[in-house]
Amino acid sequence: MATEQQVAFMVNLHQEDTGIDTIIWVDHKWPNQKPFIMALTSLSKVSISIEDEPKVLQPENLFDGDDISAVIQWICLNKDVLLDYWNNNLYPTSKMLKELRRV
């Protein structure tokens, strides 16, 4: 889904931002993509949709269930903020960071 160069431009969130021991990358809208975040789990880099019931988009089989459960819980808790950020290229990162809730 994302190239290494695209990941470099995403906002990096760490445990102090999210409450989970996983690095999460958040970005603004990408052309022809449904809203998603990326997470670095203990086993791989995973793309997960931002929606009412988040789904692992890629890879579908290489992930730690506990890591993914925590990320999905965090996405559900912050879905509105993440979608606002995704859909608005002028949405300041500093505002997003203030609005995000930790699990």
Protein backbone atom coordinates (compact mmCIF):
# COMPACT_ATOMS: atom_id res chain seq x y z
CA MET A 1 0.00 0.00 0.00
CA ALA A 2 2.60 2.58 1.03
CA THR A 3 6.10 2.95 -0.24
CA GLU A 4 9.01 3.59 2.13
CA GLN A 5 9.21 7.20 0.86
CA GLN A 6 5.52 7.81 1.62
CA VAL A 7 5.92 6.40 5.14
CA ALA A 8 8.73 8.90 5.73
CA PHE A 9 6.24 11.76 5.33
CA MET A 10 3.63 10.35 7.71
CA VAL A 11 3.29 11.59 11.31
CA ASN A 12 4.98 9.15 13.70
CA LEU A 13 3.07 8.47 16.91
CA HIS A 14 4.68 6.66 19.82
CA GLN A 15 3.49 5.14 23.10
CA GLU A 16 3.37 8.53 24.84
CA ASP A 17 0.92 9.69 22.11
CA THR A 18 -1.25 6.56 21.85
CA GLY A 19 -0.86 4.56 25.05
CA ILE A 20 0.19 1.44 23.11
CA ASP A 21 3.66 0.04 22.55
CA THR A 22 3.48 0.30 18.77
CA ILE A 23 4.64 2.99 16.36
CA ILE A 24 1.69 4.33 14.38
CA TRP A 25 1.94 6.41 11.21
CA VAL A 26 -0.89 8.81 10.32
CA ASP A 27 -1.19 10.85 7.15
CA HIS A 28 -3.52 13.05 5.12
CA LYS A 29 -5.60 11.61 2.28
CA TRP A 30 -3.82 9.68 -0.46
CA PRO A 31 -5.37 9.64 -3.93
CA ASN A 32 -7.59 6.63 -4.56
CA GLN A 33 -7.10 5.24 -1.02
CA LYS A 34 -9.63 4.58 1.68
CA PRO A 35 -8.61 6.09 5.07
CA PHE A 36 -5.95 4.05 6.88
CA ILE A 37 -3.09 4.20 9.36
CA MET A 38 0.04 2.09 9.43
CA ALA A 39 1.36 0.34 12.53
CA LEU A 40 4.70 -1.25 13.21
CA THR A 41 3.88 -4.38 15.18
CA SER A 42 6.30 -6.86 16.69
CA LEU A 43 6.18 -8.88 13.46
CA SER A 44 5.54 -6.48 10.57
CA LYS A 45 4.29 -3.17 9.21
CA VAL A 46 0.49 -3.32 8.94
CA SER A 47 -2.07 -1.06 7.24
CA ILE A 48 -5.41 -0.80 9.06
CA SER A 49 -8.53 1.00 7.87
CA ILE A 50 -10.01 3.97 9.72
CA GLU A 51 -13.71 3.13 10.03
CA ASP A 52 -16.28 1.98 12.59
CA GLU A 53 -14.91 -1.57 12.42
CA PRO A 54 -11.24 -1.21 11.41
CA LYS A 55 -9.82 -4.00 9.27
CA VAL A 56 -6.27 -5.12 8.55
CA LEU A 57 -5.69 -4.17 4.93
CA GLN A 58 -2.19 -5.45 4.39
CA PRO A 59 -0.46 -7.78 5.11
CA GLU A 60 -3.41 -9.86 6.16
CA ASN A 61 -1.55 -12.71 7.84
CA LEU A 62 1.68 -11.47 9.50
CA PHE A 63 0.76 -9.71 12.70
CA ASP A 64 0.53 -10.17 16.44
CA GLY A 65 -3.13 -10.33 17.52
CA ASP A 66 -2.52 -8.41 20.77
CA ASP A 67 -0.72 -5.60 18.94
CA ILE A 68 -3.48 -5.33 16.34
CA SER A 69 -6.26 -5.43 18.96
CA ALA A 70 -4.69 -2.47 20.78
CA VAL A 71 -4.28 -0.50 17.53
CA ILE A 72 -7.88 -1.20 16.51
CA GLN A 73 -9.10 -0.10 19.94
CA TRP A 74 -7.07 3.11 19.55
CA ILE A 75 -8.46 3.74 16.03
CA CYS A 76 -12.04 3.32 17.32
CA LEU A 77 -11.34 5.73 20.19
CA ASN A 78 -9.90 8.33 17.80
CA LYS A 79 -11.78 7.66 14.56
CA ASP A 80 -13.26 11.15 14.22
CA VAL A 81 -9.93 12.92 14.80
CA LEU A 82 -8.10 10.56 12.44
CA LEU A 83 -10.71 11.07 9.70
CA ASP A 84 -10.63 14.86 10.16
CA TYR A 85 -6.85 14.76 9.75
CA TRP A 86 -7.06 12.35 6.78
CA ASN A 87 -9.63 14.48 4.93
CA ASN A 88 -8.13 17.93 5.50
CA ASN A 89 -4.61 18.68 4.27
CA LEU A 90 -4.71 21.96 6.22
CA TYR A 91 -5.50 20.24 9.53
CA PRO A 92 -2.48 21.01 11.74
CA THR A 93 -0.58 18.05 13.15
CA SER A 94 -0.31 19.90 16.48
CA LYS A 95 -4.12 20.06 16.70
CA MET A 96 -4.42 16.34 15.95
CA LEU A 97 -1.88 15.51 18.65
CA LYS A 98 -3.84 17.55 21.23
CA GLU A 99 -7.13 15.84 20.30
CA LEU A 100 -5.94 12.22 20.22
CA ARG A 101 -6.86 10.05 23.19
CA ARG A 102 -4.68 7.31 24.62
CA VAL A 103 -5.86 3.78 25.34
